[in-house]
C-alpha atoms as a PDB file:
ATOM      1  CA  MET A   1      77.705 -16.996-113.103  1.00  0.00           C
ATOM      2  CA  GLN A   2      79.776 -14.049-111.943  1.00  0.00           C
ATOM      3  CA  ASP A   3      79.589 -13.215-108.251  1.00  0.00           C
ATOM      4  CA  PHE A   4      79.667  -9.552-107.247  1.00  0.00           C
ATOM      5  CA  SER A   5      78.907 -10.060-103.557  1.00  0.00           C
ATOM      6  CA  ASP A   6      80.344  -7.261-101.418  1.00  0.00           C
ATOM      7  CA  GLN A   7      81.430  -5.293-104.508  1.00  0.00           C
ATOM      8  CA  ASN A   8      80.457  -1.636-104.739  1.00  0.00           C
ATOM      9  CA  VAL A   9      79.017  -0.649-108.102  1.00  0.00           C
ATOM     10  CA  ILE A  10      77.901   2.713-109.506  1.00  0.00           C
ATOM     11  CA  VAL A  11      75.517   2.767-112.477  1.00  0.00           C
ATOM     12  CA  THR A  12      74.407   6.015-114.100  1.00  0.00           C
ATOM     13  CA  GLY A  13      71.057   6.051-115.832  1.00  0.00           C
ATOM     14  CA  ALA A  14      70.273   3.125-113.580  1.00  0.00           C
ATOM     15  CA  THR A  15      66.486   2.977-113.538  1.00  0.00           C
ATOM     16  CA  ARG A  16      65.437   2.673-117.179  1.00  0.00           C
ATOM     17  CA  GLY A  17      66.362   0.790-120.345  1.00  0.00           C
ATOM     18  CA  ILE A  18      69.859  -0.646-120.562  1.00  0.00           C
ATOM     19  CA  GLY A  19      70.844   0.862-117.207  1.00  0.00           C
ATOM     20  CA  LYS A  20      67.952  -0.868-115.504  1.00  0.00           C
ATOM     21  CA  ALA A  21      68.975  -4.240-116.931  1.00  0.00           C
ATOM     22  CA  ILE A  22      72.583  -3.668-115.853  1.00  0.00           C
ATOM     23  CA  THR A  23      71.541  -2.678-112.343  1.00  0.00           C
ATOM     24  CA  GLU A  24      69.282  -5.720-111.978  1.00  0.00           C
ATOM     25  CA  ALA A  25      72.048  -8.020-113.226  1.00  0.00           C
ATOM     26  CA  PHE A  26      74.484  -6.767-110.581  1.00  0.00           C
ATOM     27  CA  LEU A  27      71.834  -7.019-107.841  1.00  0.00           C
ATOM     28  CA  VAL A  28      70.972 -10.610-108.768  1.00  0.00           C
ATOM     29  CA  ARG A  29      74.663 -11.418-108.317  1.00  0.00           C
ATOM     30  CA  GLY A  30      74.952  -9.753-104.923  1.00  0.00           C
ATOM     31  CA  GLY A  31      76.379  -6.357-105.815  1.00  0.00           C
ATOM     32  CA  ASN A  32      75.901  -3.225-103.736  1.00  0.00           C
ATOM     33  CA  VAL A  33      74.613  -0.790-106.364  1.00  0.00           C
ATOM     34  CA  PHE A  34      74.531   2.976-106.098  1.00  0.00           C
ATOM     35  CA  GLY A  35      72.209   3.925-108.927  1.00  0.00           C
ATOM     36  CA  ILE A  36      72.007   7.408-110.385  1.00  0.00           C
ATOM     37  CA  TYR A  37      68.971   8.748-112.211  1.00  0.00           C
ATOM     38  CA  GLY A  38      68.286  12.127-113.765  1.00  0.00           C
ATOM     39  CA  GLY A  39      64.781  13.378-113.081  1.00  0.00           C
ATOM     40  CA  ASN A  40      62.104  10.677-113.337  1.00  0.00           C
ATOM     41  CA  THR A  41      61.443  10.117-109.651  1.00  0.00           C
ATOM     42  CA  GLN A  42      58.308   8.071-110.305  1.00  0.00           C
ATOM     43  CA  ALA A  43      60.209   5.553-112.427  1.00  0.00           C
ATOM     44  CA  ALA A  44      63.008   5.435-109.867  1.00  0.00           C
ATOM     45  CA  ASP A  45      60.615   4.716-106.992  1.00  0.00           C
ATOM     46  CA  ALA A  46      58.884   1.976-108.965  1.00  0.00           C
ATOM     47  CA  PHE A  47      62.217   0.386-109.863  1.00  0.00           C
ATOM     48  CA  ALA A  48      63.404   0.451-106.246  1.00  0.00           C
ATOM     49  CA  ARG A  49      60.280  -1.465-105.204  1.00  0.00           C
ATOM     50  CA  GLU A  50      60.879  -4.046-107.946  1.00  0.00           C
ATOM     51  CA  CYS A  51      64.386  -4.719-106.638  1.00  0.00           C
ATOM     52  CA  GLU A  52      63.583  -5.164-102.965  1.00  0.00           C
ATOM     53  CA  GLN A  53      63.733  -8.967-103.098  1.00  0.00           C
ATOM     54  CA  LEU A  54      66.979  -9.244-105.061  1.00  0.00           C
ATOM     55  CA  LYS A  55      70.179 -10.492-103.469  1.00  0.00           C
ATOM     56  CA  GLY A  56      72.190  -7.260-103.548  1.00  0.00           C
ATOM     57  CA  THR A  57      71.433  -3.831-102.158  1.00  0.00           C
ATOM     58  CA  LEU A  58      70.266  -0.813-104.152  1.00  0.00           C
ATOM     59  CA  GLU A  59      70.422   2.827-103.209  1.00  0.00           C
ATOM     60  CA  LEU A  60      69.240   5.451-105.671  1.00  0.00           C
ATOM     61  CA  PHE A  61      70.452   9.033-106.022  1.00  0.00           C
ATOM     62  CA  GLN A  62      69.048  11.815-108.155  1.00  0.00           C
ATOM     63  CA  CYS A  63      72.041  13.573-109.707  1.00  0.00           C
ATOM     64  CA  ASP A  64      72.775  15.651-112.793  1.00  0.00           C
ATOM     65  CA  ILE A  65      76.008  14.034-113.958  1.00  0.00           C
ATOM     66  CA  SER A  66      76.859  17.079-116.082  1.00  0.00           C
ATOM     67  CA  SER A  67      77.064  19.196-112.927  1.00  0.00           C
ATOM     68  CA  PRO A  68      80.454  19.119-111.140  1.00  0.00           C
ATOM     69  CA  GLU A  69      78.776  20.256-107.923  1.00  0.00           C
ATOM     70  CA  GLN A  70      76.139  17.517-107.966  1.00  0.00           C
ATOM     71  CA  VAL A  71      78.652  14.814-108.866  1.00  0.00           C
ATOM     72  CA  ASP A  72      80.922  15.981-106.040  1.00  0.00           C
ATOM     73  CA  GLY A  73      77.923  15.868-103.713  1.00  0.00           C
ATOM     74  CA  PHE A  74      77.096  12.323-104.756  1.00  0.00           C
ATOM     75  CA  TYR A  75      80.623  11.068-104.165  1.00  0.00           C
ATOM     76  CA  SER A  76      80.788  12.859-100.813  1.00  0.00           C
ATOM     77  CA  GLN A  77      77.717  10.904 -99.710  1.00  0.00           C
ATOM     78  CA  ILE A  78      79.082   7.481-100.593  1.00  0.00           C
ATOM     79  CA  GLU A  79      82.800   7.910 -99.806  1.00  0.00           C
ATOM     80  CA  SER A  80      82.135   8.016 -96.083  1.00  0.00           C
ATOM     81  CA  ARG A  81      80.424   4.613 -96.286  1.00  0.00           C
ATOM     82  CA  ILE A  82      82.601   2.550 -98.611  1.00  0.00           C
ATOM     83  CA  SER A  83      86.280   1.752 -98.387  1.00  0.00           C
ATOM     84  CA  SER A  84      86.696   1.426-102.141  1.00  0.00           C
ATOM     85  CA  LEU A  85      84.820   1.329-105.432  1.00  0.00           C
ATOM     86  CA  ASP A  86      84.906  -1.756-107.646  1.00  0.00           C
ATOM     87  CA  VAL A  87      82.833  -0.908-110.730  1.00  0.00           C
ATOM     88  CA  LEU A  88      81.607   2.222-112.496  1.00  0.00           C
ATOM     89  CA  ILE A  89      79.168   1.957-115.398  1.00  0.00           C
ATOM     90  CA  ASN A  90      78.816   5.224-117.324  1.00  0.00           C
ATOM     91  CA  ASN A  91      75.507   4.439-118.977  1.00  0.00           C
ATOM     92  CA  ALA A  92      73.481   7.663-118.795  1.00  0.00           C
ATOM     93  CA  GLY A  93      72.953   9.282-122.169  1.00  0.00           C
ATOM     94  CA  ILE A  94      70.541  11.489-124.081  1.00  0.00           C
ATOM     95  CA  ARG A  95      69.688  12.338-127.691  1.00  0.00           C
ATOM     96  CA  ARG A  96      68.670  15.697-129.151  1.00  0.00           C
ATOM     97  CA  ASP A  97      68.419  14.892-132.846  1.00  0.00           C
ATOM     98  CA  ALA A  98      68.488  17.463-135.643  1.00  0.00           C
ATOM     99  CA  VAL A  99      70.524  18.074-138.777  1.00  0.00           C
ATOM    100  CA  MET A 100      73.445  20.310-137.881  1.00  0.00           C
ATOM    101  CA  ALA A 101      72.209  23.259-139.953  1.00  0.00           C
ATOM    102  CA  MET A 102      69.058  23.332-137.808  1.00  0.00           C
ATOM    103  CA  MET A 103      70.511  22.155-134.496  1.00  0.00           C
ATOM    104  CA  LYS A 104      70.114  24.461-131.536  1.00  0.00           C
ATOM    105  CA  THR A 105      73.348  25.286-129.746  1.00  0.00           C
ATOM    106  CA  GLU A 106      71.811  24.257-126.436  1.00  0.00           C
ATOM    107  CA  ASP A 107      70.958  20.832-127.877  1.00  0.00           C
ATOM    108  CA  TRP A 108      74.550  20.358-129.016  1.00  0.00           C
ATOM    109  CA  SER A 109      75.871  21.397-125.603  1.00  0.00           C
ATOM    110  CA  LYS A 110      73.384  19.344-123.575  1.00  0.00           C
ATOM    111  CA  VAL A 111      74.244  16.087-125.366  1.00  0.00           C
ATOM    112  CA  ILE A 112      77.990  16.694-124.983  1.00  0.00           C
ATOM    113  CA  ASP A 113      77.524  17.694-121.336  1.00  0.00           C
ATOM    114  CA  ILE A 114      75.613  14.541-120.349  1.00  0.00           C
ATOM    115  CA  ASN A 115      77.185  11.924-122.582  1.00  0.00           C
ATOM    116  CA  LEU A 116      80.844  13.000-122.601  1.00  0.00           C
ATOM    117  CA  ASN A 117      81.430  15.486-119.800  1.00  0.00           C
ATOM    118  CA  GLY A 118      79.324  13.286-117.506  1.00  0.00           C
ATOM    119  CA  THR A 119      81.642  10.367-118.240  1.00  0.00           C
ATOM    120  CA  TYR A 120      84.650  12.507-117.280  1.00  0.00           C
ATOM    121  CA  LEU A 121      83.051  13.875-114.116  1.00  0.00           C
ATOM    122  CA  MET A 122      81.959  10.432-112.894  1.00  0.00           C
ATOM    123  CA  SER A 123      85.231   8.695-113.800  1.00  0.00           C
ATOM    124  CA  LYS A 124      87.695  11.088-112.172  1.00  0.00           C
ATOM    125  CA  PRO A 125      86.641  10.451-108.532  1.00  0.00           C
ATOM    126  CA  ALA A 126      86.030   6.775-109.336  1.00  0.00           C
ATOM    127  CA  VAL A 127      89.657   6.253-110.335  1.00  0.00           C
ATOM    128  CA  LEU A 128      90.844   7.726-107.046  1.00  0.00           C
ATOM    129  CA  LEU A 129      88.552   5.385-105.097  1.00  0.00           C
ATOM    130  CA  MET A 130      89.614   2.354-107.123  1.00  0.00           C
ATOM    131  CA  MET A 131      93.277   3.103-106.550  1.00  0.00           C
ATOM    132  CA  ARG A 132      92.825   2.403-102.831  1.00  0.00           C
ATOM    133  CA  ASN A 133      92.645  -1.356-103.477  1.00  0.00           C
ATOM    134  CA  LYS A 134      94.451  -1.345-106.828  1.00  0.00           C
ATOM    135  CA  PHE A 135      91.420  -2.791-108.562  1.00  0.00           C
ATOM    136  CA  GLY A 136      88.583  -1.409-110.614  1.00  0.00           C
ATOM    137  CA  ARG A 137      86.401  -1.675-113.677  1.00  0.00           C
ATOM    138  CA  ILE A 138      85.132   1.325-115.630  1.00  0.00           C
ATOM    139  CA  ILE A 139      82.744   0.562-118.479  1.00  0.00           C
ATOM    140  CA  ASN A 140      81.435   3.299-120.744  1.00  0.00           C
ATOM    141  CA  ILE A 141      78.315   2.689-122.806  1.00  0.00           C
ATOM    142  CA  THR A 142      79.014   4.155-126.236  1.00  0.00           C
ATOM    143  CA  SER A 143      77.370   3.571-129.636  1.00  0.00           C
ATOM    144  CA  PRO A 144      78.154   2.382-133.184  1.00  0.00           C
ATOM    145  CA  VAL A 145      77.071   5.860-134.258  1.00  0.00           C
ATOM    146  CA  SER A 146      80.516   6.952-133.022  1.00  0.00           C
ATOM    147  CA  HIS A 147      82.073   5.481-136.164  1.00  0.00           C
ATOM    148  CA  LEU A 148      79.098   4.950-138.505  1.00  0.00           C
ATOM    149  CA  GLY A 149      77.608   8.420-138.218  1.00  0.00           C
ATOM    150  CA  PHE A 150      73.874   8.968-138.657  1.00  0.00           C
ATOM    151  CA  ALA A 151      72.268  12.029-140.239  1.00  0.00           C
ATOM    152  CA  GLY A 152      70.678  14.172-137.528  1.00  0.00           C
ATOM    153  CA  GLN A 153      72.997  12.916-134.802  1.00  0.00           C
ATOM    154  CA  THR A 154      76.202  14.937-135.095  1.00  0.00           C
ATOM    155  CA  ASN A 155      76.037  15.845-131.416  1.00  0.00           C
ATOM    156  CA  TYR A 156      75.326  12.279-130.303  1.00  0.00           C
ATOM    157  CA  ALA A 157      77.994  10.797-132.594  1.00  0.00           C
ATOM    158  CA  ALA A 158      80.586  13.311-131.387  1.00  0.00           C
ATOM    159  CA  SER A 159      79.817  12.555-127.735  1.00  0.00           C
ATOM    160  CA  LYS A 160      80.074   8.804-128.257  1.00  0.00           C
ATOM    161  CA  ALA A 161      83.283   9.036-130.290  1.00  0.00           C
ATOM    162  CA  GLY A 162      84.673  11.173-127.476  1.00  0.00           C
ATOM    163  CA  GLN A 163      83.833   8.459-124.966  1.00  0.00           C
ATOM    164  CA  ILE A 164      85.919   5.977-126.944  1.00  0.00           C
ATOM    165  CA  GLY A 165      88.906   8.329-127.049  1.00  0.00           C
ATOM    166  CA  LEU A 166      88.551   8.965-123.310  1.00  0.00           C
ATOM    167  CA  THR A 167      88.345   5.218-122.669  1.00  0.00           C
ATOM    168  CA  ARG A 168      91.510   4.358-124.566  1.00  0.00           C
ATOM    169  CA  SER A 169      93.549   7.128-122.973  1.00  0.00           C
ATOM    170  CA  LEU A 170      92.303   6.462-119.440  1.00  0.00           C
ATOM    171  CA  ALA A 171      92.990   2.741-119.908  1.00  0.00           C
ATOM    172  CA  LYS A 172      96.669   3.544-120.432  1.00  0.00           C
ATOM    173  CA  GLU A 173      96.749   5.806-117.388  1.00  0.00           C
ATOM    174  CA  THR A 174      95.231   3.224-115.021  1.00  0.00           C
ATOM    175  CA  ALA A 175      96.610  -0.106-116.296  1.00  0.00           C
ATOM    176  CA  LYS A 176      99.425  -0.286-113.729  1.00  0.00           C
ATOM    177  CA  LYS A 177      96.856   0.130-110.960  1.00  0.00           C
ATOM    178  CA  LYS A 178      94.902  -2.923-112.212  1.00  0.00           C
ATOM    179  CA  ILE A 179      92.004  -0.711-113.232  1.00  0.00           C
ATOM    180  CA  THR A 180      90.540  -1.599-116.615  1.00  0.00           C
ATOM    181  CA  VAL A 181      88.569   0.829-118.772  1.00  0.00           C
ATOM    182  CA  ASN A 182      86.450  -0.431-121.654  1.00  0.00           C
ATOM    183  CA  CYS A 183      83.458   0.440-123.795  1.00  0.00           C
ATOM    184  CA  VAL A 184      80.367  -1.548-124.601  1.00  0.00           C
ATOM    185  CA  SER A 185      78.776  -0.335-127.824  1.00  0.00           C
ATOM    186  CA  PRO A 186      75.115  -1.388-128.157  1.00  0.00           C
ATOM    187  CA  GLY A 187      73.455  -1.049-131.535  1.00  0.00           C
ATOM    188  CA  PHE A 188      69.681  -0.832-131.796  1.00  0.00           C
ATOM    189  CA  ILE A 189      68.308  -2.026-128.458  1.00  0.00           C
ATOM    190  CA  ALA A 190      64.584  -2.329-127.738  1.00  0.00           C
ATOM    191  CA  THR A 191      64.198   0.355-125.040  1.00  0.00           C
ATOM    192  CA  ASP A 192      62.323   3.624-124.616  1.00  0.00           C
ATOM    193  CA  PHE A 193      65.489   5.387-125.841  1.00  0.00           C
ATOM    194  CA  ILE A 194      64.327   4.763-129.417  1.00  0.00           C
ATOM    195  CA  ASP A 195      60.571   4.724-128.799  1.00  0.00           C
ATOM    196  CA  ASP A 196      60.186   8.289-130.042  1.00  0.00           C
ATOM    197  CA  LEU A 197      61.440   7.411-133.523  1.00  0.00           C
ATOM    198  CA  PRO A 198      58.840   7.056-136.308  1.00  0.00           C
ATOM    199  CA  THR A 199      57.649   3.514-137.003  1.00  0.00           C
ATOM    200  CA  GLU A 200      58.921   3.715-140.574  1.00  0.00           C
ATOM    201  CA  GLN A 201      62.363   4.762-139.397  1.00  0.00           C
ATOM    202  CA  LEU A 202      62.527   1.907-136.889  1.00  0.00           C
ATOM    203  CA  ALA A 203      61.602  -0.528-139.655  1.00  0.00           C
ATOM    204  CA  GLU A 204      64.422   0.814-141.828  1.00  0.00           C
ATOM    205  CA  TYR A 205      66.896   0.529-138.955  1.00  0.00           C
ATOM    206  CA  LYS A 206      65.865  -3.093-138.369  1.00  0.00           C
ATOM    207  CA  LYS A 207      66.555  -3.862-142.034  1.00  0.00           C
ATOM    208  CA  MET A 208      70.111  -2.548-141.538  1.00  0.00           C
ATOM    209  CA  VAL A 209      70.839  -5.176-138.868  1.00  0.00           C
ATOM    210  CA  PRO A 210      72.061  -8.483-140.341  1.00  0.00           C
ATOM    211  CA  MET A 211      70.268 -10.394-137.577  1.00  0.00           C
ATOM    212  CA  LYS A 212      67.032  -8.572-138.545  1.00  0.00           C
ATOM    213  CA  ARG A 213      66.067  -7.760-134.982  1.00  0.00           C
ATOM    214  CA  PHE A 214      66.837  -5.291-132.244  1.00  0.00           C
ATOM    215  CA  GLY A 215      68.822  -6.410-129.233  1.00  0.00           C
ATOM    216  CA  THR A 216      67.555  -6.666-125.664  1.00  0.00           C
ATOM    217  CA  PRO A 217      68.823  -4.754-122.633  1.00  0.00           C
ATOM    218  CA  GLU A 218      69.682  -8.076-121.008  1.00  0.00           C
ATOM    219  CA  GLU A 219      72.048  -8.970-123.850  1.00  0.00           C
ATOM    220  CA  VAL A 220      73.937  -5.739-123.236  1.00  0.00           C
ATOM    221  CA  ALA A 221      73.969  -6.345-119.482  1.00  0.00           C
ATOM    222  CA  ASP A 222      75.573  -9.761-119.977  1.00  0.00           C
ATOM    223  CA  ALA A 223      78.468  -8.159-121.863  1.00  0.00           C
ATOM    224  CA  VAL A 224      78.864  -5.509-119.188  1.00  0.00           C
ATOM    225  CA  LEU A 225      78.978  -8.139-116.442  1.00  0.00           C
ATOM    226  CA  PHE A 226      81.773  -9.996-118.187  1.00  0.00           C
ATOM    227  CA  LEU A 227      83.922  -6.871-118.565  1.00  0.00           C
ATOM    228  CA  ALA A 228      83.204  -5.993-114.924  1.00  0.00           C
ATOM    229  CA  SER A 229      84.311  -9.410-113.707  1.00  0.00           C
ATOM    230  CA  LYS A 230      87.759 -10.535-112.654  1.00  0.00           C
ATOM    231  CA  LYS A 231      87.798 -12.846-115.676  1.00  0.00           C
ATOM    232  CA  ALA A 232      88.277  -9.765-117.886  1.00  0.00           C
ATOM    233  CA  SER A 233      91.495  -8.701-116.151  1.00  0.00           C
ATOM    234  CA  TYR A 234      93.544  -8.538-119.384  1.00  0.00           C
ATOM    235  CA  ILE A 235      90.993  -6.556-121.404  1.00  0.00           C
ATOM    236  CA  THR A 236      91.377  -2.790-121.325  1.00  0.00           C
ATOM    237  CA  GLY A 237      91.021   0.053-123.802  1.00  0.00           C
ATOM    238  CA  SER A 238      88.655  -2.069-125.896  1.00  0.00           C
ATOM    239  CA  VAL A 239      85.267  -1.530-127.509  1.00  0.00           C
ATOM    240  CA  LEU A 240      82.872  -4.496-127.434  1.00  0.00           C
ATOM    241  CA  GLU A 241      80.186  -4.186-130.111  1.00  0.00           C
ATOM    242  CA  ILE A 242      76.721  -5.584-129.269  1.00  0.00           C
ATOM    243  CA  ASN A 243      74.940  -4.783-132.508  1.00  0.00           C
ATOM    244  CA  GLY A 244      73.730  -7.878-134.346  1.00  0.00           C
ATOM    245  CA  GLY A 245      76.393  -7.445-137.021  1.00  0.00           C
ATOM    246  CA  LEU A 246      75.583  -3.807-137.853  1.00  0.00           C
END
Protein backbone atom coordinates (compact mmCIF):
# COMPACT_ATOMS: atom_id res chain seq x y z
CA MET A 1 0.00 0.00 0.00
CA GLN A 2 1.34 3.41 -0.95
CA ASP A 3 2.15 5.75 1.92
CA PHE A 4 1.44 9.46 1.44
CA SER A 5 2.14 10.53 5.02
CA ASP A 6 3.29 14.15 5.21
CA GLN A 7 2.63 14.68 1.49
CA ASN A 8 0.57 17.69 0.44
CA VAL A 9 -2.13 16.88 -2.09
CA ILE A 10 -4.61 19.09 -3.96
CA VAL A 11 -7.75 17.50 -5.43
CA THR A 12 -10.26 19.51 -7.44
CA GLY A 13 -13.84 18.32 -7.46
CA ALA A 14 -12.91 16.61 -4.22
CA THR A 15 -16.23 15.98 -2.51
CA ARG A 16 -18.28 13.96 -4.99
CA GLY A 17 -17.94 11.02 -7.37
CA ILE A 18 -14.45 10.13 -8.55
CA GLY A 19 -12.91 13.08 -6.70
CA LYS A 20 -14.40 11.90 -3.44
CA ALA A 21 -12.94 8.42 -3.89
CA ILE A 22 -9.54 9.90 -4.74
CA THR A 23 -9.60 12.19 -1.71
CA GLU A 24 -10.57 9.34 0.62
CA ALA A 25 -7.82 7.13 -0.80
CA PHE A 26 -5.14 9.74 -0.08
CA LEU A 27 -6.52 10.36 3.43
CA VAL A 28 -6.51 6.65 4.27
CA ARG A 29 -2.82 6.64 3.35
CA GLY A 30 -1.94 9.66 5.47
CA GLY A 31 -1.99 12.47 2.93
CA ASN A 32 -2.68 16.10 3.78
CA VAL A 33 -5.44 16.92 1.29
CA PHE A 34 -6.57 20.37 0.24
CA GLY A 35 -9.87 19.64 -1.46
CA ILE A 36 -11.59 22.06 -3.80
CA TYR A 37 -15.32 22.02 -4.48
CA GLY A 38 -17.47 24.24 -6.66
CA GLY A 39 -20.76 25.17 -5.03
CA ASN A 40 -22.41 22.30 -3.15
CA THR A 41 -21.61 23.34 0.40
CA GLN A 42 -24.00 20.80 1.91
CA ALA A 43 -22.24 17.89 0.21
CA ALA A 44 -18.86 19.30 1.18
CA ASP A 45 -19.82 19.61 4.85
CA ALA A 46 -21.19 16.07 4.91
CA PHE A 47 -18.03 14.72 3.28
CA ALA A 48 -15.79 16.54 5.77
CA ARG A 49 -17.65 14.87 8.64
CA GLU A 50 -17.24 11.45 7.00
CA CYS A 51 -13.47 11.91 6.82
CA GLU A 52 -12.83 13.03 10.38
CA GLN A 53 -11.59 9.62 11.53
CA LEU A 54 -9.26 8.95 8.60
CA LYS A 55 -5.49 8.99 8.99
CA GLY A 56 -4.70 12.10 6.93
CA THR A 57 -5.96 15.65 7.22
CA LEU A 58 -8.58 17.28 5.01
CA GLU A 59 -9.23 20.95 4.46
CA LEU A 60 -11.90 22.02 2.00
CA PHE A 61 -12.03 25.21 -0.06
CA GLN A 62 -14.83 26.54 -2.21
CA CYS A 63 -13.21 27.83 -5.40
CA ASP A 64 -14.21 28.41 -9.01
CA ILE A 65 -11.22 26.90 -10.80
CA SER A 66 -12.09 28.78 -14.00
CA SER A 67 -11.50 32.08 -12.20
CA PRO A 68 -7.86 33.27 -12.13
CA GLU A 69 -8.63 35.47 -9.13
CA GLN A 70 -10.17 32.66 -7.08
CA VAL A 71 -7.41 30.21 -7.96
CA ASP A 72 -4.79 32.80 -6.99
CA GLY A 73 -6.66 33.32 -3.72
CA PHE A 74 -6.67 29.60 -3.00
CA TYR A 75 -2.95 29.23 -3.59
CA SER A 76 -2.23 32.32 -1.49
CA GLN A 77 -4.01 30.65 1.43
CA ILE A 78 -2.04 27.42 1.30
CA GLU A 79 1.41 28.65 0.21
CA SER A 80 2.02 30.30 3.56
CA ARG A 81 1.46 26.96 5.32
CA ILE A 82 3.26 24.40 3.16
CA SER A 83 6.86 24.30 2.05
CA SER A 84 6.08 22.41 -1.14
CA LEU A 85 3.34 20.61 -3.05
CA ASP A 86 3.62 16.91 -3.85
CA VAL A 87 0.48 16.02 -5.83
CA LEU A 88 -2.15 17.84 -7.87
CA ILE A 89 -5.21 15.99 -9.15
CA ASN A 90 -7.16 17.99 -11.74
CA ASN A 91 -10.43 16.11 -11.42
CA ALA A 92 -13.15 18.77 -11.53
CA GLY A 93 -15.24 18.65 -14.68
CA ILE A 94 -18.70 19.43 -16.01
CA ARG A 95 -20.92 18.47 -18.94
CA ARG A 96 -23.33 20.67 -20.89
CA ASP A 97 -24.54 18.29 -23.59
CA ALA A 98 -26.19 19.34 -26.84
CA VAL A 99 -25.60 18.78 -30.54
CA MET A 100 -23.37 21.56 -31.83
CA ALA A 101 -26.06 23.09 -34.05
CA MET A 102 -28.18 23.67 -30.94
CA MET A 103 -25.43 24.28 -28.39
CA LYS A 104 -25.50 27.58 -26.56
CA THR A 105 -22.27 29.55 -26.74
CA GLU A 106 -22.22 29.89 -22.96
CA ASP A 107 -22.42 26.09 -22.60
CA TRP A 108 -19.45 25.66 -24.93
CA SER A 109 -17.45 28.27 -23.01
CA LYS A 110 -18.38 27.01 -19.54
CA VAL A 111 -17.22 23.45 -20.27
CA ILE A 112 -13.93 24.67 -21.77
CA ASP A 113 -13.43 27.10 -18.88
CA ILE A 114 -13.85 24.48 -16.13
CA ASN A 115 -12.40 21.39 -17.76
CA LEU A 116 -9.47 22.84 -19.72
CA ASN A 117 -8.77 26.36 -18.50
CA GLY A 118 -9.22 25.13 -14.92
CA THR A 119 -6.50 22.54 -15.51
CA TYR A 120 -4.15 25.27 -16.74
CA LEU A 121 -4.94 27.66 -13.90
CA MET A 122 -4.46 25.00 -11.21
CA SER A 123 -1.31 23.51 -12.77
CA LYS A 124 0.70 26.68 -13.30
CA PRO A 125 1.16 27.58 -9.59
CA ALA A 126 1.47 23.88 -8.72
CA VAL A 127 4.53 23.48 -10.92
CA LEU A 128 6.24 26.40 -9.21
CA LEU A 129 5.55 24.87 -5.78
CA MET A 130 6.75 21.43 -6.87
CA MET A 131 9.98 22.85 -8.23
CA ARG A 132 11.02 23.81 -4.69
CA ASN A 133 11.79 20.17 -3.84
CA LYS A 134 12.29 18.95 -7.41
CA PHE A 135 9.44 16.48 -7.05
CA GLY A 136 5.81 16.41 -8.03
CA ARG A 137 2.92 14.52 -9.55
CA ILE A 138 0.23 16.15 -11.68
CA ILE A 139 -2.62 13.89 -12.76
CA ASN A 140 -5.37 15.13 -15.04
CA ILE A 141 -8.66 13.25 -15.21
CA THR A 142 -9.62 13.14 -18.88
CA SER A 143 -12.04 10.89 -20.80
CA PRO A 144 -12.16 8.38 -23.68
CA VAL A 145 -14.54 10.84 -25.32
CA SER A 146 -11.39 12.83 -26.15
CA HIS A 147 -10.60 10.35 -28.93
CA LEU A 148 -13.87 8.44 -29.42
CA GLY A 149 -16.16 11.43 -29.75
CA PHE A 150 -19.80 11.22 -28.70
CA ALA A 151 -22.69 13.01 -30.40
CA GLY A 152 -23.86 15.89 -28.20
CA GLN A 153 -20.50 16.30 -26.49
CA THR A 154 -18.35 18.40 -28.81
CA ASN A 155 -17.55 20.81 -25.99
CA TYR A 156 -16.73 18.04 -23.52
CA ALA A 157 -14.66 16.08 -26.06
CA ALA A 158 -12.71 19.20 -27.04
CA SER A 159 -11.96 20.03 -23.40
CA LYS A 160 -10.76 16.51 -22.64
CA ALA A 161 -8.64 16.26 -25.79
CA GLY A 162 -7.11 19.59 -24.79
CA GLN A 163 -6.20 18.17 -21.39
CA ILE A 164 -4.25 15.39 -23.07
CA GLY A 165 -2.33 17.83 -25.26
CA LEU A 166 -1.59 20.00 -22.21
CA THR A 167 -0.43 16.93 -20.28
CA ARG A 168 2.03 15.77 -22.92
CA SER A 169 3.54 19.21 -23.43
CA LEU A 170 3.80 20.00 -19.72
CA ALA A 171 5.39 16.59 -19.11
CA LYS A 172 8.26 17.58 -21.40
CA GLU A 173 8.65 20.94 -19.69
CA THR A 174 8.87 19.49 -16.17
CA ALA A 175 10.69 16.16 -16.66
CA LYS A 176 14.11 17.52 -15.66
CA LYS A 177 12.61 18.76 -12.40
CA LYS A 178 11.38 15.23 -11.54
CA ILE A 179 7.78 16.34 -11.92
CA THR A 180 5.62 13.86 -13.80
CA VAL A 181 2.40 14.79 -15.60
CA ASN A 182 -0.07 12.11 -16.65
CA CYS A 183 -3.71 11.53 -17.46
CA VAL A 184 -6.14 8.99 -16.11
CA SER A 185 -9.00 8.42 -18.53
CA PRO A 186 -12.06 6.84 -16.88
CA GLY A 187 -14.77 5.42 -19.10
CA PHE A 188 -18.29 4.98 -17.77
CA ILE A 189 -18.04 5.21 -13.98
CA ALA A 190 -21.04 4.75 -11.68
CA THR A 191 -21.30 8.26 -10.20
CA ASP A 192 -23.83 11.09 -10.18
CA PHE A 193 -21.94 12.55 -13.18
CA ILE A 194 -23.98 10.26 -15.44
CA ASP A 195 -27.11 9.98 -13.30
CA ASP A 196 -28.95 12.54 -15.42
CA LEU A 197 -28.73 10.40 -18.55
CA PRO A 198 -31.87 8.50 -19.63
CA THR A 199 -32.08 4.88 -18.46
CA GLU A 200 -32.20 3.66 -22.06
CA GLN A 201 -29.05 5.58 -22.92
CA LEU A 202 -27.20 4.18 -19.90
CA ALA A 203 -28.21 0.67 -20.96
CA GLU A 204 -26.82 1.29 -24.45
CA TYR A 205 -23.57 2.64 -23.02
CA LYS A 206 -23.20 -0.45 -20.82
CA LYS A 207 -23.57 -2.66 -23.91
CA MET A 208 -20.63 -0.78 -25.48
CA VAL A 209 -18.29 -1.84 -22.65
CA PRO A 210 -16.68 -5.25 -23.25
CA MET A 211 -16.78 -5.97 -19.51
CA LYS A 212 -20.55 -5.23 -19.56
CA ARG A 213 -20.47 -3.07 -16.46
CA PHE A 214 -19.62 0.44 -15.37
CA GLY A 215 -16.51 1.05 -13.32
CA THR A 216 -16.38 2.22 -9.71
CA PRO A 217 -14.82 5.43 -8.40
CA GLU A 218 -12.50 3.32 -6.26
CA GLU A 219 -11.06 1.60 -9.33
CA VAL A 220 -10.15 4.99 -10.75
CA ALA A 221 -8.69 6.12 -7.43
CA ASP A 222 -6.39 3.09 -7.34
CA ALA A 223 -4.92 4.07 -10.71
CA VAL A 224 -4.48 7.66 -9.57
CA LEU A 225 -2.66 6.55 -6.42
CA PHE A 226 -0.18 4.52 -8.42
CA LEU A 227 0.66 7.42 -10.75
CA ALA A 228 0.96 9.71 -7.71
CA SER A 229 3.39 7.37 -5.98
CA LYS A 230 7.16 7.31 -6.19
CA LYS A 231 6.89 3.93 -7.92
CA ALA A 232 5.65 5.75 -11.04
CA SER A 233 8.78 7.90 -11.35
CA TYR A 234 9.48 6.90 -14.98
CA ILE A 235 5.93 7.41 -16.26
CA THR A 236 5.16 10.84 -17.67
CA GLY A 237 3.15 12.22 -20.57
CA SER A 238 0.99 9.09 -20.56
CA VAL A 239 -2.74 8.39 -20.64
CA LEU A 240 -3.95 5.46 -18.52
CA GLU A 241 -7.33 4.19 -19.70
CA ILE A 242 -9.72 2.85 -17.03
CA ASN A 243 -12.63 1.88 -19.24
CA GLY A 244 -13.38 -1.84 -19.18
CA GLY A 245 -12.03 -2.27 -22.70
CA LEU A 246 -14.13 0.48 -24.31
